Amino acid sequence: MYHQHMESLEEVAAREQAEKQQSLRELEDLYEWLQQFEDPPPAPRPPPPRQFRNGDITQKGYEKKRTRLLSPYVPKQNTTVGSGGSTDTRGVSPATRALRRGNRRLTRNESRYHSEVRQEAVQ
C-alpha cells in the first residue's frame, strides 16, 4: 500500500513545475494590479524656446553677469545703516561704527562726560 501513494520523480517534477508556473502567473497579476497605484512617469521636458538655444542669455542673466563683472569698478554704497540685525562689522565705515557705539546705554559718569564735552563744543 505504501508504494501506491508515492509519486514518481517525474510526477514530482511536473507538479513542482506547474506550481512554479502558477506562482509566476500570480506574481504577474499582482504586478499589473499594483501598477494602477503608481504615479505616471514624468513627462519629458519640452525643449527651450528657440531664442535661447544658441547660447543666448536672458535679460536677468545678462544683468546678473554685468553686475558681477562691474562690481570691482563701482563705488561701494553703504546701505546697512539702520538694519540693526547684523553684528558683522567687516566692511562697515568708522562713522557707522561710531553711530552703533552711540546707541548703547551710558553710565552716569559717561553721560556727565558726554554732556560736558557737548557743552564745551557749543561754547
PDB file of N, CA and C in Angstrom:
ATOM      1  N   MET A   1       0.814  -1.183   0.000  1.00  0.00           N
ATOM      2  CA  MET A   1       0.000   0.000   0.000  1.00  0.00           C
ATOM      3  C   MET A   1       0.859   1.249   0.000  1.00  0.00           C
ATOM      4  N   TYR A   2       1.942   1.187   0.657  1.00  0.00           N
ATOM      5  CA  TYR A   2       2.822   2.352   0.755  1.00  0.00           C
ATOM      6  C   TYR A   2       3.299   2.773  -0.610  1.00  0.00           C
ATOM      7  N   HIS A   3       3.541   1.845  -1.505  1.00  0.00           N
ATOM      8  CA  HIS A   3       4.058   2.149  -2.830  1.00  0.00           C
ATOM      9  C   HIS A   3       3.035   2.847  -3.716  1.00  0.00           C
ATOM     10  N   GLN A   4       1.776   2.677  -3.461  1.00  0.00           N
ATOM     11  CA  GLN A   4       0.747   3.292  -4.283  1.00  0.00           C
ATOM     12  C   GLN A   4       0.712   4.811  -4.098  1.00  0.00           C
ATOM     13  N   HIS A   5       0.987   5.286  -2.926  1.00  0.00           N
ATOM     14  CA  HIS A   5       0.894   6.713  -2.622  1.00  0.00           C
ATOM     15  C   HIS A   5       2.160   7.474  -2.958  1.00  0.00           C
ATOM     16  N   MET A   6       3.218   6.827  -3.262  1.00  0.00           N
ATOM     17  CA  MET A   6       4.466   7.505  -3.610  1.00  0.00           C
ATOM     18  C   MET A   6       4.417   8.007  -5.041  1.00  0.00           C
ATOM     19  N   GLU A   7       4.871   9.266  -5.213  1.00  0.00           N
ATOM     20  CA  GLU A   7       4.918   9.841  -6.558  1.00  0.00           C
ATOM     21  C   GLU A   7       6.256   9.494  -7.194  1.00  0.00           C
ATOM     22  N   SER A   8       6.223   9.347  -8.478  1.00  0.00           N
ATOM     23  CA  SER A   8       7.480   9.128  -9.179  1.00  0.00           C
ATOM     24  C   SER A   8       8.211  10.464  -9.296  1.00  0.00           C
ATOM     25  N   LEU A   9       9.503  10.409  -9.588  1.00  0.00           N
ATOM     26  CA  LEU A   9      10.294  11.642  -9.722  1.00  0.00           C
ATOM     27  C   LEU A   9       9.749  12.526 -10.835  1.00  0.00           C
ATOM     28  N   GLU A  10       9.270  11.919 -11.887  1.00  0.00           N
ATOM     29  CA  GLU A  10       8.709  12.706 -12.987  1.00  0.00           C
ATOM     30  C   GLU A  10       7.445  13.434 -12.546  1.00  0.00           C
ATOM     31  N   GLU A  11       6.617  12.744 -11.758  1.00  0.00           N
ATOM     32  CA  GLU A  11       5.378  13.364 -11.273  1.00  0.00           C
ATOM     33  C   GLU A  11       5.681  14.520 -10.324  1.00  0.00           C
ATOM     34  N   VAL A  12       6.673  14.349  -9.468  1.00  0.00           N
ATOM     35  CA  VAL A  12       7.072  15.409  -8.533  1.00  0.00           C
ATOM     36  C   VAL A  12       7.594  16.611  -9.310  1.00  0.00           C
ATOM     37  N   ALA A  13       8.432  16.365 -10.295  1.00  0.00           N
ATOM     38  CA  ALA A  13       8.994  17.458 -11.096  1.00  0.00           C
ATOM     39  C   ALA A  13       7.895  18.180 -11.863  1.00  0.00           C
ATOM     40  N   ALA A  14       6.944  17.427 -12.419  1.00  0.00           N
ATOM     41  CA  ALA A  14       5.843  18.047 -13.165  1.00  0.00           C
ATOM     42  C   ALA A  14       4.965  18.880 -12.234  1.00  0.00           C
ATOM     43  N   ARG A  15       4.685  18.354 -11.031  1.00  0.00           N
ATOM     44  CA  ARG A  15       3.863  19.099 -10.070  1.00  0.00           C
ATOM     45  C   ARG A  15       4.569  20.383  -9.639  1.00  0.00           C
ATOM     46  N   GLU A  16       5.875  20.293  -9.342  1.00  0.00           N
ATOM     47  CA  GLU A  16       6.630  21.485  -8.940  1.00  0.00           C
ATOM     48  C   GLU A  16       6.683  22.510 -10.065  1.00  0.00           C
ATOM     49  N   GLN A  17       6.834  22.040 -11.294  1.00  0.00           N
ATOM     50  CA  GLN A  17       6.863  22.945 -12.447  1.00  0.00           C
ATOM     51  C   GLN A  17       5.514  23.658 -12.594  1.00  0.00           C
ATOM     52  N   ALA A  18       4.427  22.925 -12.409  1.00  0.00           N
ATOM     53  CA  ALA A  18       3.088  23.518 -12.515  1.00  0.00           C
ATOM     54  C   ALA A  18       2.872  24.554 -11.410  1.00  0.00           C
ATOM     55  N   GLU A  19       3.330  24.242 -10.190  1.00  0.00           N
ATOM     56  CA  GLU A  19       3.203  25.190  -9.077  1.00  0.00           C
ATOM     57  C   GLU A  19       4.028  26.451  -9.342  1.00  0.00           C
ATOM     58  N   LYS A  20       5.204  26.253  -9.911  1.00  0.00           N
ATOM     59  CA  LYS A  20       6.075  27.393 -10.225  1.00  0.00           C
ATOM     60  C   LYS A  20       5.418  28.291 -11.274  1.00  0.00           C
ATOM     61  N   GLN A  21       4.839  27.664 -12.317  1.00  0.00           N
ATOM     62  CA  GLN A  21       4.154  28.437 -13.356  1.00  0.00           C
ATOM     63  C   GLN A  21       2.965  29.200 -12.766  1.00  0.00           C
ATOM     64  N   GLN A  22       2.227  28.548 -11.869  1.00  0.00           N
ATOM     65  CA  GLN A  22       1.077  29.208 -11.239  1.00  0.00           C
ATOM     66  C   GLN A  22       1.550  30.392 -10.386  1.00  0.00           C
ATOM     67  N   SER A  23       2.640  30.224  -9.650  1.00  0.00           N
ATOM     68  CA  SER A  23       3.181  31.317  -8.832  1.00  0.00           C
ATOM     69  C   SER A  23       3.609  32.492  -9.706  1.00  0.00           C
ATOM     70  N   LEU A  24       4.243  32.193 -10.847  1.00  0.00           N
ATOM     71  CA  LEU A  24       4.662  33.267 -11.753  1.00  0.00           C
ATOM     72  C   LEU A  24       3.459  34.026 -12.308  1.00  0.00           C
ATOM     73  N   ARG A  25       2.387  33.292 -12.656  1.00  0.00           N
ATOM     74  CA  ARG A  25       1.175  33.959 -13.154  1.00  0.00           C
ATOM     75  C   ARG A  25       0.576  34.852 -12.074  1.00  0.00           C
ATOM     76  N   GLU A  26       0.556  34.366 -10.837  1.00  0.00           N
ATOM     77  CA  GLU A  26       0.014  35.164  -9.729  1.00  0.00           C
ATOM     78  C   GLU A  26       0.864  36.414  -9.491  1.00  0.00           C
ATOM     79  N   LEU A  27       2.188  36.255  -9.590  1.00  0.00           N
ATOM     80  CA  LEU A  27       3.068  37.419  -9.423  1.00  0.00           C
ATOM     81  C   LEU A  27       2.851  38.445 -10.530  1.00  0.00           C
ATOM     82  N   GLU A  28       2.685  37.987 -11.763  1.00  0.00           N
ATOM     83  CA  GLU A  28       2.438  38.913 -12.869  1.00  0.00           C
ATOM     84  C   GLU A  28       1.116  39.643 -12.685  1.00  0.00           C
ATOM     85  N   ASP A  29       0.084  38.909 -12.238  1.00  0.00           N
ATOM     86  CA  ASP A  29      -1.210  39.548 -11.973  1.00  0.00           C
ATOM     87  C   ASP A  29      -1.076  40.593 -10.864  1.00  0.00           C
ATOM     88  N   LEU A  30      -0.333  40.240  -9.821  1.00  0.00           N
ATOM     89  CA  LEU A  30      -0.121  41.177  -8.720  1.00  0.00           C
ATOM     90  C   LEU A  30       0.628  42.418  -9.196  1.00  0.00           C
ATOM     91  N   TYR A  31       1.639  42.224 -10.024  1.00  0.00           N
ATOM     92  CA  TYR A  31       2.416  43.341 -10.564  1.00  0.00           C
ATOM     93  C   TYR A  31       1.523  44.269 -11.384  1.00  0.00           C
ATOM     94  N   GLU A  32       0.685  43.688 -12.255  1.00  0.00           N
ATOM     95  CA  GLU A  32      -0.228  44.508 -13.056  1.00  0.00           C
ATOM     96  C   GLU A  32      -1.210  45.264 -12.168  1.00  0.00           C
ATOM     97  N   TRP A  33      -1.705  44.607 -11.123  1.00  0.00           N
ATOM     98  CA  TRP A  33      -2.653  45.251 -10.213  1.00  0.00           C
ATOM     99  C   TRP A  33      -1.987  46.412  -9.465  1.00  0.00           C
ATOM    100  N   LEU A  34      -0.731  46.219  -9.041  1.00  0.00           N
ATOM    101  CA  LEU A  34      -0.017  47.276  -8.303  1.00  0.00           C
ATOM    102  C   LEU A  34       0.290  48.484  -9.184  1.00  0.00           C
ATOM    103  N   GLN A  35       0.462  48.266 -10.473  1.00  0.00           N
ATOM    104  CA  GLN A  35       0.814  49.373 -11.365  1.00  0.00           C
ATOM    105  C   GLN A  35      -0.255  50.454 -11.406  1.00  0.00           C
ATOM    106  N   GLN A  36      -1.504  50.109 -11.141  1.00  0.00           N
ATOM    107  CA  GLN A  36      -2.559  51.115 -11.186  1.00  0.00           C
ATOM    108  C   GLN A  36      -2.407  52.150 -10.070  1.00  0.00           C
ATOM    109  N   PHE A  37      -1.653  51.819  -9.022  1.00  0.00           N
ATOM    110  CA  PHE A  37      -1.475  52.743  -7.912  1.00  0.00           C
ATOM    111  C   PHE A  37      -0.221  53.596  -8.032  1.00  0.00           C
ATOM    112  N   GLU A  38       0.625  53.299  -8.992  1.00  0.00           N
ATOM    113  CA  GLU A  38       1.871  54.051  -9.145  1.00  0.00           C
ATOM    114  C   GLU A  38       1.626  55.355  -9.884  1.00  0.00           C
ATOM    115  N   ASP A  39       2.488  56.340  -9.627  1.00  0.00           N
ATOM    116  CA  ASP A  39       2.423  57.615 -10.341  1.00  0.00           C
ATOM    117  C   ASP A  39       2.810  57.395 -11.792  1.00  0.00           C
ATOM    118  N   PRO A  40       2.209  58.160 -12.682  1.00  0.00           N
ATOM    119  CA  PRO A  40       2.621  58.034 -14.082  1.00  0.00           C
ATOM    120  C   PRO A  40       4.052  58.526 -14.252  1.00  0.00           C
ATOM    121  N   PRO A  41       4.755  58.043 -15.254  1.00  0.00           N
ATOM    122  CA  PRO A  41       6.136  58.502 -15.454  1.00  0.00           C
ATOM    123  C   PRO A  41       6.135  59.995 -15.769  1.00  0.00           C
ATOM    124  N   PRO A  42       7.177  60.724 -15.348  1.00  0.00           N
ATOM    125  CA  PRO A  42       7.210  62.168 -15.597  1.00  0.00           C
ATOM    126  C   PRO A  42       7.241  62.466 -17.088  1.00  0.00           C
ATOM    127  N   ALA A  43       6.541  63.531 -17.439  1.00  0.00           N
ATOM    128  CA  ALA A  43       6.505  63.933 -18.849  1.00  0.00           C
ATOM    129  C   ALA A  43       7.876  64.460 -19.246  1.00  0.00           C
ATOM    130  N   PRO A  44       8.319  64.190 -20.462  1.00  0.00           N
ATOM    131  CA  PRO A  44       9.627  64.719 -20.882  1.00  0.00           C
ATOM    132  C   PRO A  44       9.586  66.244 -20.932  1.00  0.00           C
ATOM    133  N   ARG A  45      10.719  66.871 -20.555  1.00  0.00           N
ATOM    134  CA  ARG A  45      10.792  68.340 -20.555  1.00  0.00           C
ATOM    135  C   ARG A  45      10.766  68.850 -21.981  1.00  0.00           C
ATOM    136  N   PRO A  46       9.990  69.900 -22.204  1.00  0.00           N
ATOM    137  CA  PRO A  46       9.985  70.470 -23.555  1.00  0.00           C
ATOM    138  C   PRO A  46      11.318  71.160 -23.831  1.00  0.00           C
ATOM    139  N   PRO A  47      11.720  71.232 -25.078  1.00  0.00           N
ATOM    140  CA  PRO A  47      12.983  71.915 -25.387  1.00  0.00           C
ATOM    141  C   PRO A  47      12.858  73.408 -25.078  1.00  0.00           C
ATOM    142  N   PRO A  48      13.967  74.093 -24.816  1.00  0.00           N
ATOM    143  CA  PRO A  48      13.895  75.527 -24.517  1.00  0.00           C
ATOM    144  C   PRO A  48      13.386  76.296 -25.735  1.00  0.00           C
ATOM    145  N   PRO A  49      12.831  77.483 -25.490  1.00  0.00           N
ATOM    146  CA  PRO A  49      12.374  78.291 -26.623  1.00  0.00           C
ATOM    147  C   PRO A  49      13.509  78.521 -27.622  1.00  0.00           C
ATOM    148  N   ARG A  50      13.136  78.680 -28.878  1.00  0.00           N
ATOM    149  CA  ARG A  50      14.116  78.783 -29.956  1.00  0.00           C
ATOM    150  C   ARG A  50      15.134  79.891 -29.711  1.00  0.00           C
ATOM    151  N   GLN A  51      14.695  81.017 -29.129  1.00  0.00           N
ATOM    152  CA  GLN A  51      15.617  82.151 -28.977  1.00  0.00           C
ATOM    153  C   GLN A  51      16.716  81.880 -27.937  1.00  0.00           C
ATOM    154  N   PHE A  52      16.574  80.825 -27.106  1.00  0.00           N
ATOM    155  CA  PHE A  52      17.585  80.554 -26.083  1.00  0.00           C
ATOM    156  C   PHE A  52      18.472  79.367 -26.426  1.00  0.00           C
ATOM    157  N   ARG A  53      18.337  78.789 -27.582  1.00  0.00           N
ATOM    158  CA  ARG A  53      19.083  77.573 -27.899  1.00  0.00           C
ATOM    159  C   ARG A  53      20.523  77.829 -28.315  1.00  0.00           C
ATOM    160  N   ASN A  54      20.856  79.004 -28.783  1.00  0.00           N
ATOM    161  CA  ASN A  54      22.187  79.247 -29.341  1.00  0.00           C
ATOM    162  C   ASN A  54      23.138  79.915 -28.350  1.00  0.00           C
ATOM    163  N   GLY A  55      22.981  79.651 -27.060  1.00  0.00           N
ATOM    164  CA  GLY A  55      23.886  80.224 -26.073  1.00  0.00           C
ATOM    165  C   GLY A  55      23.489  81.618 -25.630  1.00  0.00           C
ATOM    166  N   ASP A  56      22.336  82.126 -26.086  1.00  0.00           N
ATOM    167  CA  ASP A  56      21.876  83.435 -25.639  1.00  0.00           C
ATOM    168  C   ASP A  56      21.478  83.341 -24.171  1.00  0.00           C
ATOM    169  N   ILE A  57      21.501  84.495 -23.484  1.00  0.00           N
ATOM    170  CA  ILE A  57      21.093  84.510 -22.087  1.00  0.00           C
ATOM    171  C   ILE A  57      19.884  85.425 -21.938  1.00  0.00           C
ATOM    172  N   THR A  58      19.177  85.262 -20.831  1.00  0.00           N
ATOM    173  CA  THR A  58      18.003  86.085 -20.565  1.00  0.00           C
ATOM    174  C   THR A  58      18.444  87.470 -20.100  1.00  0.00           C
ATOM    175  N   GLN A  59      17.496  88.390 -20.055  1.00  0.00           N
ATOM    176  CA  GLN A  59      17.781  89.743 -19.558  1.00  0.00           C
ATOM    177  C   GLN A  59      18.272  89.679 -18.111  1.00  0.00           C
ATOM    178  N   LYS A  60      17.613  88.847 -17.302  1.00  0.00           N
ATOM    179  CA  LYS A  60      18.014  88.713 -15.898  1.00  0.00           C
ATOM    180  C   LYS A  60      19.442  88.177 -15.802  1.00  0.00           C
ATOM    181  N   GLY A  61      19.756  87.175 -16.622  1.00  0.00           N
ATOM    182  CA  GLY A  61      21.108  86.620 -16.616  1.00  0.00           C
ATOM    183  C   GLY A  61      22.132  87.637 -17.068  1.00  0.00           C
ATOM    184  N   TYR A  62      21.759  88.437 -18.075  1.00  0.00           N
ATOM    185  CA  TYR A  62      22.660  89.486 -18.565  1.00  0.00           C
ATOM    186  C   TYR A  62      22.952  90.488 -17.454  1.00  0.00           C
ATOM    187  N   GLU A  63      21.902  90.941 -16.771  1.00  0.00           N
ATOM    188  CA  GLU A  63      22.104  91.946 -15.714  1.00  0.00           C
ATOM    189  C   GLU A  63      22.904  91.375 -14.551  1.00  0.00           C
ATOM    190  N   LYS A  64      22.676  90.125 -14.218  1.00  0.00           N
ATOM    191  CA  LYS A  64      23.433  89.497 -13.129  1.00  0.00           C
ATOM    192  C   LYS A  64      24.914  89.421 -13.481  1.00  0.00           C
ATOM    193  N   LYS A  65      25.206  88.979 -14.704  1.00  0.00           N
ATOM    194  CA  LYS A  65      26.598  88.867 -15.139  1.00  0.00           C
ATOM    195  C   LYS A  65      27.243  90.248 -15.216  1.00  0.00           C
ATOM    196  N   ARG A  66      26.504  91.237 -15.738  1.00  0.00           N
ATOM    197  CA  ARG A  66      27.016  92.602 -15.861  1.00  0.00           C
ATOM    198  C   ARG A  66      27.346  93.173 -14.478  1.00  0.00           C
ATOM    199  N   THR A  67      26.437  92.977 -13.522  1.00  0.00           N
ATOM    200  CA  THR A  67      26.666  93.475 -12.162  1.00  0.00           C
ATOM    201  C   THR A  67      27.899  92.827 -11.548  1.00  0.00           C
ATOM    202  N   ARG A  68      28.043  91.518 -11.757  1.00  0.00           N
ATOM    203  CA  ARG A  68      29.195  90.813 -11.180  1.00  0.00           C
ATOM    204  C   ARG A  68      30.501  91.295 -11.798  1.00  0.00           C
ATOM    205  N   LEU A  69      30.493  91.519 -13.103  1.00  0.00           N
ATOM    206  CA  LEU A  69      31.724  91.950 -13.767  1.00  0.00           C
ATOM    207  C   LEU A  69      32.091  93.395 -13.428  1.00  0.00           C
ATOM    208  N   LEU A  70      31.083  94.247 -13.248  1.00  0.00           N
ATOM    209  CA  LEU A  70      31.361  95.661 -12.972  1.00  0.00           C
ATOM    210  C   LEU A  70      31.542  95.964 -11.490  1.00  0.00           C
ATOM    211  N   SER A  71      31.216  95.013 -10.604  1.00  0.00           N
ATOM    212  CA  SER A  71      31.258  95.293  -9.169  1.00  0.00           C
ATOM    213  C   SER A  71      32.613  95.805  -8.669  1.00  0.00           C
ATOM    214  N   PRO A  72      33.765  95.336  -9.182  1.00  0.00           N
ATOM    215  CA  PRO A  72      35.031  95.891  -8.674  1.00  0.00           C
ATOM    216  C   PRO A  72      35.222  97.370  -9.028  1.00  0.00           C
ATOM    217  N   TYR A  73      34.529  97.861 -10.044  1.00  0.00           N
ATOM    218  CA  TYR A  73      34.747  99.227 -10.513  1.00  0.00           C
ATOM    219  C   TYR A  73      33.677 100.201 -10.028  1.00  0.00           C
ATOM    220  N   VAL A  74      32.620  99.696  -9.406  1.00  0.00           N
ATOM    221  CA  VAL A  74      31.546 100.561  -8.918  1.00  0.00           C
ATOM    222  C   VAL A  74      31.843 100.891  -7.463  1.00  0.00           C
ATOM    223  N   PRO A  75      31.745 102.194  -7.067  1.00  0.00           N
ATOM    224  CA  PRO A  75      31.999 102.537  -5.660  1.00  0.00           C
ATOM    225  C   PRO A  75      30.963 101.861  -4.761  1.00  0.00           C
ATOM    226  N   LYS A  76      31.432 101.410  -3.598  1.00  0.00           N
ATOM    227  CA  LYS A  76      30.549 100.717  -2.665  1.00  0.00           C
ATOM    228  C   LYS A  76      29.600 101.720  -2.023  1.00  0.00           C
ATOM    229  N   GLN A  77      28.327 101.324  -1.916  1.00  0.00           N
ATOM    230  CA  GLN A  77      27.338 102.155  -1.238  1.00  0.00           C
ATOM    231  C   GLN A  77      27.006 101.480   0.074  1.00  0.00           C
ATOM    232  N   ASN A  78      27.009 102.259   1.167  1.00  0.00           N
ATOM    233  CA  ASN A  78      26.742 101.691   2.479  1.00  0.00           C
ATOM    234  C   ASN A  78      25.242 101.732   2.721  1.00  0.00           C
ATOM    235  N   THR A  79      24.589 100.601   2.523  1.00  0.00           N
ATOM    236  CA  THR A  79      23.145 100.544   2.703  1.00  0.00           C
ATOM    237  C   THR A  79      22.767  99.808   3.978  1.00  0.00           C
ATOM    238  N   THR A  80      23.736  99.474   4.846  1.00  0.00           N
ATOM    239  CA  THR A  80      23.428  98.698   6.038  1.00  0.00           C
ATOM    240  C   THR A  80      23.102  99.571   7.231  1.00  0.00           C
ATOM    241  N   VAL A  81      23.143 100.896   7.127  1.00  0.00           N
ATOM    242  CA  VAL A  81      22.857 101.762   8.267  1.00  0.00           C
ATOM    243  C   VAL A  81      21.400 101.588   8.646  1.00  0.00           C
ATOM    244  N   GLY A  82      21.168 101.310   9.937  1.00  0.00           N
ATOM    245  CA  GLY A  82      19.810 101.181  10.418  1.00  0.00           C
ATOM    246  C   GLY A  82      19.236  99.784  10.282  1.00  0.00           C
ATOM    247  N   SER A  83      19.999  98.827   9.791  1.00  0.00           N
ATOM    248  CA  SER A  83      19.445  97.479   9.671  1.00  0.00           C
ATOM    249  C   SER A  83      19.275  96.861  11.054  1.00  0.00           C
ATOM    250  N   GLY A  84      20.224  97.096  11.948  1.00  0.00           N
ATOM    251  CA  GLY A  84      20.095  96.692  13.337  1.00  0.00           C
ATOM    252  C   GLY A  84      20.289  95.207  13.580  1.00  0.00           C
ATOM    253  N   GLY A  85      19.984  94.340  12.640  1.00  0.00           N
ATOM    254  CA  GLY A  85      20.057  92.908  12.875  1.00  0.00           C
ATOM    255  C   GLY A  85      21.446  92.336  12.703  1.00  0.00           C
ATOM    256  N   SER A  86      22.322  93.010  12.013  1.00  0.00           N
ATOM    257  CA  SER A  86      23.623  92.449  11.692  1.00  0.00           C
ATOM    258  C   SER A  86      24.653  92.838  12.738  1.00  0.00           C
ATOM    259  N   THR A  87      25.445  91.864  13.188  1.00  0.00           N
ATOM    260  CA  THR A  87      26.537  92.160  14.110  1.00  0.00           C
ATOM    261  C   THR A  87      27.866  92.062  13.390  1.00  0.00           C
ATOM    262  N   ASP A  88      27.839  91.849  12.094  1.00  0.00           N
ATOM    263  CA  ASP A  88      29.052  91.735  11.290  1.00  0.00           C
ATOM    264  C   ASP A  88      29.623  93.132  11.072  1.00  0.00           C
ATOM    265  N   THR A  89      30.890  93.358  11.463  1.00  0.00           N
ATOM    266  CA  THR A  89      31.468  94.701  11.352  1.00  0.00           C
ATOM    267  C   THR A  89      32.469  94.802  10.219  1.00  0.00           C
ATOM    268  N   ARG A  90      32.656  93.744   9.426  1.00  0.00           N
ATOM    269  CA  ARG A  90      33.584  93.832   8.302  1.00  0.00           C
ATOM    270  C   ARG A  90      32.991  94.736   7.241  1.00  0.00           C
ATOM    271  N   GLY A  91      33.802  95.627   6.692  1.00  0.00           N
ATOM    272  CA  GLY A  91      33.351  96.478   5.607  1.00  0.00           C
ATOM    273  C   GLY A  91      32.447  97.605   6.044  1.00  0.00           C
ATOM    274  N   VAL A  92      32.352  97.875   7.351  1.00  0.00           N
ATOM    275  CA  VAL A  92      31.497  98.952   7.842  1.00  0.00           C
ATOM    276  C   VAL A  92      32.372 100.171   8.101  1.00  0.00           C
ATOM    277  N   SER A  93      31.873 101.321   7.694  1.00  0.00           N
ATOM    278  CA  SER A  93      32.672 102.540   7.842  1.00  0.00           C
ATOM    279  C   SER A  93      32.820 102.911   9.316  1.00  0.00           C
ATOM    280  N   PRO A  94      33.876 103.670   9.661  1.00  0.00           N
ATOM    281  CA  PRO A  94      34.058 104.111  11.054  1.00  0.00           C
ATOM    282  C   PRO A  94      32.881 104.955  11.542  1.00  0.00           C
ATOM    283  N   ALA A  95      32.274 105.744  10.651  1.00  0.00           N
ATOM    284  CA  ALA A  95      31.135 106.565  11.069  1.00  0.00           C
ATOM    285  C   ALA A  95      29.970 105.676  11.507  1.00  0.00           C
ATOM    286  N   THR A  96      29.759 104.595  10.793  1.00  0.00           N
ATOM    287  CA  THR A  96      28.674 103.681  11.155  1.00  0.00           C
ATOM    288  C   THR A  96      28.971 103.010  12.484  1.00  0.00           C
ATOM    289  N   ARG A  97      30.226 102.632  12.696  1.00  0.00           N
ATOM    290  CA  ARG A  97      30.594 102.034  13.984  1.00  0.00           C
ATOM    291  C   ARG A  97      30.365 103.022  15.120  1.00  0.00           C
ATOM    292  N   ALA A  98      30.703 104.273  14.887  1.00  0.00           N
ATOM    293  CA  ALA A  98      30.506 105.286  15.923  1.00  0.00           C
ATOM    294  C   ALA A  98      29.022 105.446  16.233  1.00  0.00           C
ATOM    295  N   LEU A  99      28.187 105.431  15.197  1.00  0.00           N
ATOM    296  CA  LEU A  99      26.743 105.530  15.424  1.00  0.00           C
ATOM    297  C   LEU A  99      26.248 104.347  16.249  1.00  0.00           C
ATOM    298  N   ARG A 100      26.722 103.158  15.922  1.00  0.00           N
ATOM    299  CA  ARG A 100      26.288 101.977  16.671  1.00  0.00           C
ATOM    300  C   ARG A 100      26.768 102.048  18.114  1.00  0.00           C
ATOM    301  N   ARG A 101      28.009 102.505  18.305  1.00  0.00           N
ATOM    302  CA  ARG A 101      28.539 102.653  19.648  1.00  0.00           C
ATOM    303  C   ARG A 101      27.723 103.667  20.429  1.00  0.00           C
ATOM    304  N   GLY A 102      27.261 104.704  19.743  1.00  0.00           N
ATOM    305  CA  GLY A 102      26.488 105.751  20.411  1.00  0.00           C
ATOM    306  C   GLY A 102      25.119 105.285  20.845  1.00  0.00           C
ATOM    307  N   ASN A 103      24.641 104.175  20.321  1.00  0.00           N
ATOM    308  CA  ASN A 103      23.309 103.698  20.680  1.00  0.00           C
ATOM    309  C   ASN A 103      23.283 102.906  21.982  1.00  0.00           C
ATOM    310  N   ARG A 104      24.455 102.566  22.530  1.00  0.00           N
ATOM    311  CA  ARG A 104      24.437 101.777  23.761  1.00  0.00           C
ATOM    312  C   ARG A 104      24.135 102.680  24.956  1.00  0.00           C
ATOM    313  N   ARG A 105      23.698 102.057  26.052  1.00  0.00           N
ATOM    314  CA  ARG A 105      23.376 102.837  27.255  1.00  0.00           C
ATOM    315  C   ARG A 105      24.663 103.363  27.893  1.00  0.00           C
ATOM    316  N   LEU A 106      24.556 104.535  28.455  1.00  0.00           N
ATOM    317  CA  LEU A 106      25.721 105.161  29.084  1.00  0.00           C
ATOM    318  C   LEU A 106      25.601 105.068  30.599  1.00  0.00           C
ATOM    319  N   THR A 107      26.755 104.955  31.278  1.00  0.00           N
ATOM    320  CA  THR A 107      26.751 105.018  32.735  1.00  0.00           C
ATOM    321  C   THR A 107      26.575 106.473  33.151  1.00  0.00           C
ATOM    322  N   ARG A 108      26.394 106.697  34.440  1.00  0.00           N
ATOM    323  CA  ARG A 108      26.178 108.071  34.927  1.00  0.00           C
ATOM    324  C   ARG A 108      27.387 108.947  34.609  1.00  0.00           C
ATOM    325  N   ASN A 109      28.596 108.394  34.847  1.00  0.00           N
ATOM    326  CA  ASN A 109      29.803 109.183  34.595  1.00  0.00           C
ATOM    327  C   ASN A 109      29.980 109.458  33.106  1.00  0.00           C
ATOM    328  N   GLU A 110      29.686 108.468  32.278  1.00  0.00           N
ATOM    329  CA  GLU A 110      29.821 108.678  30.840  1.00  0.00           C
ATOM    330  C   GLU A 110      28.850 109.740  30.354  1.00  0.00           C
ATOM    331  N   SER A 111      27.628 109.710  30.856  1.00  0.00           N
ATOM    332  CA  SER A 111      26.657 110.706  30.398  1.00  0.00           C
ATOM    333  C   SER A 111      27.071 112.103  30.866  1.00  0.00           C
ATOM    334  N   ARG A 112      27.650 112.217  32.092  1.00  0.00           N
ATOM    335  CA  ARG A 112      28.133 113.529  32.550  1.00  0.00           C
ATOM    336  C   ARG A 112      29.267 114.004  31.655  1.00  0.00           C
ATOM    337  N   TYR A 113      30.194 113.070  31.329  1.00  0.00           N
ATOM    338  CA  TYR A 113      31.334 113.425  30.493  1.00  0.00           C
ATOM    339  C   TYR A 113      30.855 113.886  29.126  1.00  0.00           C
ATOM    340  N   HIS A 114      29.929 113.120  28.540  1.00  0.00           N
ATOM    341  CA  HIS A 114      29.460 113.482  27.204  1.00  0.00           C
ATOM    342  C   HIS A 114      28.748 114.826  27.221  1.00  0.00           C
ATOM    343  N   SER A 115      27.974 115.070  28.254  1.00  0.00           N
ATOM    344  CA  SER A 115      27.269 116.353  28.285  1.00  0.00           C
ATOM    345  C   SER A 115      28.266 117.499  28.477  1.00  0.00           C
ATOM    346  N   GLU A 116      29.336 117.266  29.272  1.00  0.00           N
ATOM    347  CA  GLU A 116      30.349 118.317  29.442  1.00  0.00           C
ATOM    348  C   GLU A 116      31.068 118.580  28.123  1.00  0.00           C
ATOM    349  N   VAL A 117      31.410 117.527  27.396  1.00  0.00           N
ATOM    350  CA  VAL A 117      32.073 117.688  26.106  1.00  0.00           C
ATOM    351  C   VAL A 117      31.161 118.452  25.162  1.00  0.00           C
ATOM    352  N   ARG A 118      29.881 118.125  25.197  1.00  0.00           N
ATOM    353  CA  ARG A 118      28.942 118.799  24.309  1.00  0.00           C
ATOM    354  C   ARG A 118      28.841 120.290  24.675  1.00  0.00           C
ATOM    355  N   GLN A 119      28.822 120.573  25.968  1.00  0.00           N
ATOM    356  CA  GLN A 119      28.734 121.982  26.391  1.00  0.00           C
ATOM    357  C   GLN A 119      29.980 122.746  25.967  1.00  0.00           C
ATOM    358  N   GLU A 120      31.149 122.104  26.111  1.00  0.00           N
ATOM    359  CA  GLU A 120      32.373 122.777  25.696  1.00  0.00           C
ATOM    360  C   GLU A 120      32.374 123.012  24.196  1.00  0.00           C
ATOM    361  N   ALA A 121      31.866 122.064  23.446  1.00  0.00           N
ATOM    362  CA  ALA A 121      31.845 122.219  21.999  1.00  0.00           C
ATOM    363  C   ALA A 121      30.894 123.330  21.595  1.00  0.00           C
ATOM    364  N   VAL A 122      29.785 123.475  22.317  1.00  0.00           N
ATOM    365  CA  VAL A 122      28.819 124.529  21.981  1.00  0.00           C
ATOM    366  C   VAL A 122      29.429 125.895  22.287  1.00  0.00           C
ATOM    367  N   GLN A 123      30.180 126.002  23.406  1.00  0.00           N
ATOM    368  CA  GLN A 123      30.777 127.294  23.779  1.00  0.00           C
ATOM    369  C   GLN A 123      31.914 127.575  22.855  1.00  0.00           C
TER     370      GLN A 123
END
